[in-house]
Amino acid sequence: MAVNVEFCIPNMHNGADAVYHSLKKRRGLRVLALPCIGNCSGCVEKLHVVCGFRRLEADTPDELLVKIIQCASQMRSYRTR
């Protein structure tokens, strides 16, 4: 079962777009671009996504990518228990 990773479209203009496009190529993830994922006050300050049901924030695209991969891995291992 694929792990949902939800990106905020306005936040993608702040640098998350590179992460979005990188993750679209990966299997096991359902990568979505949505108009808003409900973190409007923090959207301009940090990169953020929702991975599964967890909100992840990062200062750089590379940091965000690492956090998403870790989250997705944890979600997959949790589901197989």
N, C-alpha and C. Protein backbone atom coordinates (compact mmCIF):
# COMPACT_ATOMS: atom_id res chain seq x y z
N MET A 1 0.84 -1.17 0.00
CA MET A 1 0.00 0.00 0.00
C MET A 1 0.89 1.25 0.00
N ALA A 2 0.58 2.19 -0.83
CA ALA A 2 1.39 3.40 -0.98
C ALA A 2 1.17 4.36 0.19
N VAL A 3 2.23 5.06 0.53
CA VAL A 3 2.19 6.09 1.57
C VAL A 3 1.87 7.42 0.89
N ASN A 4 0.87 8.13 1.40
CA ASN A 4 0.51 9.44 0.86
C ASN A 4 1.50 10.50 1.32
N VAL A 5 1.97 11.31 0.38
CA VAL A 5 2.81 12.46 0.69
C VAL A 5 2.14 13.66 0.04
N GLU A 6 1.65 14.58 0.87
CA GLU A 6 0.88 15.72 0.38
C GLU A 6 1.71 17.00 0.45
N PHE A 7 1.83 17.66 -0.69
CA PHE A 7 2.55 18.93 -0.80
C PHE A 7 1.56 20.06 -0.96
N CYS A 8 1.89 21.20 -0.39
CA CYS A 8 1.12 22.43 -0.55
C CYS A 8 1.67 23.15 -1.80
N ILE A 9 0.82 23.44 -2.76
CA ILE A 9 1.27 24.07 -4.00
C ILE A 9 2.00 25.40 -3.74
N PRO A 10 1.47 26.31 -2.92
CA PRO A 10 2.22 27.54 -2.67
C PRO A 10 3.60 27.28 -2.04
N ASN A 11 3.70 26.27 -1.19
CA ASN A 11 4.97 25.95 -0.55
C ASN A 11 5.97 25.37 -1.56
N MET A 12 5.45 24.77 -2.61
CA MET A 12 6.34 24.22 -3.64
C MET A 12 7.14 25.33 -4.32
N HIS A 13 6.61 26.53 -4.36
CA HIS A 13 7.32 27.66 -4.95
C HIS A 13 8.48 28.13 -4.08
N ASN A 14 8.53 27.65 -2.84
CA ASN A 14 9.61 28.02 -1.92
C ASN A 14 10.76 27.02 -1.95
N GLY A 15 10.68 26.01 -2.82
CA GLY A 15 11.78 25.05 -2.92
C GLY A 15 11.36 23.60 -2.79
N ALA A 16 10.14 23.34 -2.37
CA ALA A 16 9.70 21.95 -2.21
C ALA A 16 9.41 21.28 -3.54
N ASP A 17 9.37 22.05 -4.63
CA ASP A 17 9.07 21.47 -5.94
C ASP A 17 10.11 20.44 -6.37
N ALA A 18 11.37 20.65 -6.05
CA ALA A 18 12.41 19.68 -6.42
C ALA A 18 12.18 18.36 -5.71
N VAL A 19 11.76 18.43 -4.46
CA VAL A 19 11.47 17.22 -3.68
C VAL A 19 10.25 16.52 -4.26
N TYR A 20 9.24 17.27 -4.58
CA TYR A 20 8.02 16.73 -5.18
C TYR A 20 8.35 15.92 -6.44
N HIS A 21 9.11 16.52 -7.35
CA HIS A 21 9.44 15.85 -8.61
C HIS A 21 10.33 14.63 -8.39
N SER A 22 11.22 14.71 -7.42
CA SER A 22 12.06 13.56 -7.09
C SER A 22 11.23 12.40 -6.56
N LEU A 23 10.27 12.70 -5.71
CA LEU A 23 9.44 11.64 -5.11
C LEU A 23 8.44 11.05 -6.09
N LYS A 24 8.02 11.82 -7.08
CA LYS A 24 7.06 11.30 -8.08
C LYS A 24 7.64 10.09 -8.79
N LYS A 25 8.95 9.98 -8.85
CA LYS A 25 9.62 8.88 -9.55
C LYS A 25 9.75 7.63 -8.68
N ARG A 26 9.48 7.74 -7.40
CA ARG A 26 9.67 6.62 -6.47
C ARG A 26 8.41 5.76 -6.38
N ARG A 27 8.65 4.48 -6.30
CA ARG A 27 7.55 3.53 -6.10
C ARG A 27 7.17 3.51 -4.62
N GLY A 28 5.93 3.18 -4.35
CA GLY A 28 5.47 3.04 -2.98
C GLY A 28 5.01 4.34 -2.34
N LEU A 29 5.02 5.42 -3.13
CA LEU A 29 4.54 6.70 -2.62
C LEU A 29 3.43 7.23 -3.52
N ARG A 30 2.45 7.81 -2.92
CA ARG A 30 1.39 8.51 -3.66
C ARG A 30 1.61 9.99 -3.38
N VAL A 31 2.21 10.68 -4.33
CA VAL A 31 2.62 12.07 -4.14
C VAL A 31 1.56 13.00 -4.72
N LEU A 32 1.04 13.88 -3.87
CA LEU A 32 -0.06 14.76 -4.27
C LEU A 32 0.33 16.22 -4.09
N ALA A 33 -0.12 17.06 -5.00
CA ALA A 33 0.03 18.51 -4.87
C ALA A 33 -1.36 19.08 -4.64
N LEU A 34 -1.56 19.68 -3.47
CA LEU A 34 -2.87 20.19 -3.08
C LEU A 34 -2.81 21.70 -2.89
N PRO A 35 -3.94 22.38 -3.07
CA PRO A 35 -3.95 23.85 -2.91
C PRO A 35 -3.52 24.29 -1.52
N CYS A 36 -3.83 23.51 -0.49
CA CYS A 36 -3.46 23.86 0.88
C CYS A 36 -3.51 22.60 1.73
N ILE A 37 -2.53 22.45 2.62
CA ILE A 37 -2.55 21.32 3.56
C ILE A 37 -2.65 21.80 5.01
N GLY A 38 -3.07 23.06 5.16
CA GLY A 38 -3.43 23.57 6.48
C GLY A 38 -2.31 24.05 7.38
N ASN A 39 -1.28 24.60 6.84
CA ASN A 39 -0.22 25.18 7.67
C ASN A 39 0.14 26.56 7.14
N CYS A 40 -0.85 27.36 6.90
CA CYS A 40 -0.67 28.65 6.22
C CYS A 40 0.30 29.58 6.94
N SER A 41 0.27 29.59 8.24
CA SER A 41 1.16 30.50 8.96
C SER A 41 2.62 30.09 8.82
N GLY A 42 2.89 28.80 8.72
CA GLY A 42 4.27 28.33 8.59
C GLY A 42 4.72 28.11 7.17
N CYS A 43 3.80 28.21 6.25
CA CYS A 43 4.09 27.91 4.85
C CYS A 43 5.20 28.79 4.27
N VAL A 44 5.24 30.04 4.65
CA VAL A 44 6.24 30.95 4.11
C VAL A 44 7.58 30.82 4.83
N GLU A 45 7.59 30.18 6.01
CA GLU A 45 8.80 30.09 6.81
C GLU A 45 9.61 28.82 6.56
N LYS A 46 8.93 27.71 6.36
CA LYS A 46 9.61 26.42 6.21
C LYS A 46 8.97 25.60 5.11
N LEU A 47 9.72 24.65 4.60
CA LEU A 47 9.16 23.67 3.68
C LEU A 47 8.38 22.67 4.52
N HIS A 48 7.26 22.21 4.02
CA HIS A 48 6.48 21.25 4.80
C HIS A 48 5.65 20.36 3.89
N VAL A 49 5.34 19.17 4.41
CA VAL A 49 4.47 18.20 3.75
C VAL A 49 3.70 17.46 4.84
N VAL A 50 2.70 16.70 4.40
CA VAL A 50 2.06 15.72 5.27
C VAL A 50 2.41 14.36 4.69
N CYS A 51 3.05 13.54 5.52
CA CYS A 51 3.45 12.18 5.13
C CYS A 51 2.62 11.23 5.97
N GLY A 52 1.70 10.50 5.31
CA GLY A 52 0.75 9.71 6.08
C GLY A 52 -0.13 10.69 6.84
N PHE A 53 -0.02 10.67 8.16
CA PHE A 53 -0.78 11.63 8.98
C PHE A 53 0.15 12.54 9.78
N ARG A 54 1.44 12.53 9.42
CA ARG A 54 2.42 13.34 10.15
C ARG A 54 2.81 14.56 9.33
N ARG A 55 2.84 15.71 9.98
CA ARG A 55 3.33 16.93 9.33
C ARG A 55 4.84 16.97 9.52
N LEU A 56 5.56 17.16 8.42
CA LEU A 56 7.01 17.26 8.46
C LEU A 56 7.42 18.65 8.01
N GLU A 57 8.41 19.22 8.67
CA GLU A 57 8.93 20.54 8.30
C GLU A 57 10.44 20.45 8.16
N ALA A 58 11.00 21.30 7.30
CA ALA A 58 12.44 21.34 7.10
C ALA A 58 12.85 22.71 6.59
N ASP A 59 14.13 23.01 6.78
CA ASP A 59 14.67 24.28 6.31
C ASP A 59 15.17 24.21 4.87
N THR A 60 15.55 23.01 4.41
CA THR A 60 16.10 22.86 3.06
C THR A 60 15.39 21.71 2.34
N PRO A 61 15.41 21.72 1.00
CA PRO A 61 14.83 20.61 0.25
C PRO A 61 15.48 19.26 0.58
N ASP A 62 16.80 19.25 0.75
CA ASP A 62 17.47 17.99 1.07
C ASP A 62 17.02 17.43 2.42
N GLU A 63 16.89 18.31 3.40
CA GLU A 63 16.42 17.89 4.72
C GLU A 63 14.99 17.36 4.64
N LEU A 64 14.15 18.01 3.85
CA LEU A 64 12.77 17.56 3.69
C LEU A 64 12.71 16.19 3.04
N LEU A 65 13.52 15.98 2.03
CA LEU A 65 13.55 14.68 1.34
C LEU A 65 13.94 13.57 2.30
N VAL A 66 14.96 13.79 3.11
CA VAL A 66 15.39 12.78 4.08
C VAL A 66 14.27 12.47 5.06
N LYS A 67 13.61 13.50 5.57
CA LYS A 67 12.52 13.29 6.53
C LYS A 67 11.36 12.52 5.91
N ILE A 68 11.04 12.80 4.66
CA ILE A 68 9.94 12.09 3.99
C ILE A 68 10.30 10.63 3.80
N ILE A 69 11.51 10.35 3.36
CA ILE A 69 11.94 8.96 3.15
C ILE A 69 11.91 8.20 4.47
N GLN A 70 12.38 8.83 5.55
CA GLN A 70 12.34 8.18 6.86
C GLN A 70 10.91 7.92 7.31
N CYS A 71 10.05 8.89 7.13
CA CYS A 71 8.64 8.75 7.52
C CYS A 71 7.97 7.63 6.74
N ALA A 72 8.17 7.62 5.43
CA ALA A 72 7.55 6.59 4.59
C ALA A 72 8.05 5.20 4.98
N SER A 73 9.32 5.09 5.28
CA SER A 73 9.89 3.81 5.71
C SER A 73 9.26 3.35 7.02
N GLN A 74 9.11 4.26 7.96
CA GLN A 74 8.48 3.93 9.24
C GLN A 74 7.03 3.52 9.05
N MET A 75 6.32 4.22 8.17
CA MET A 75 4.91 3.90 7.92
C MET A 75 4.78 2.51 7.31
N ARG A 76 5.66 2.18 6.37
CA ARG A 76 5.61 0.86 5.74
C ARG A 76 5.90 -0.24 6.75
N SER A 77 6.91 -0.03 7.60
CA SER A 77 7.25 -1.07 8.58
C SER A 77 6.13 -1.22 9.62
N TYR A 78 5.47 -0.13 9.97
CA TYR A 78 4.35 -0.19 10.90
C TYR A 78 3.19 -0.98 10.31
N ARG A 79 2.93 -0.78 9.03
CA ARG A 79 1.79 -1.45 8.37
C ARG A 79 2.01 -2.95 8.22
N THR A 80 3.26 -3.39 8.19
CA THR A 80 3.54 -4.81 8.00
C THR A 80 3.59 -5.58 9.30
N ARG A 81 3.42 -4.92 10.43
CA ARG A 81 3.43 -5.63 11.73
C ARG A 81 2.19 -6.42 11.93
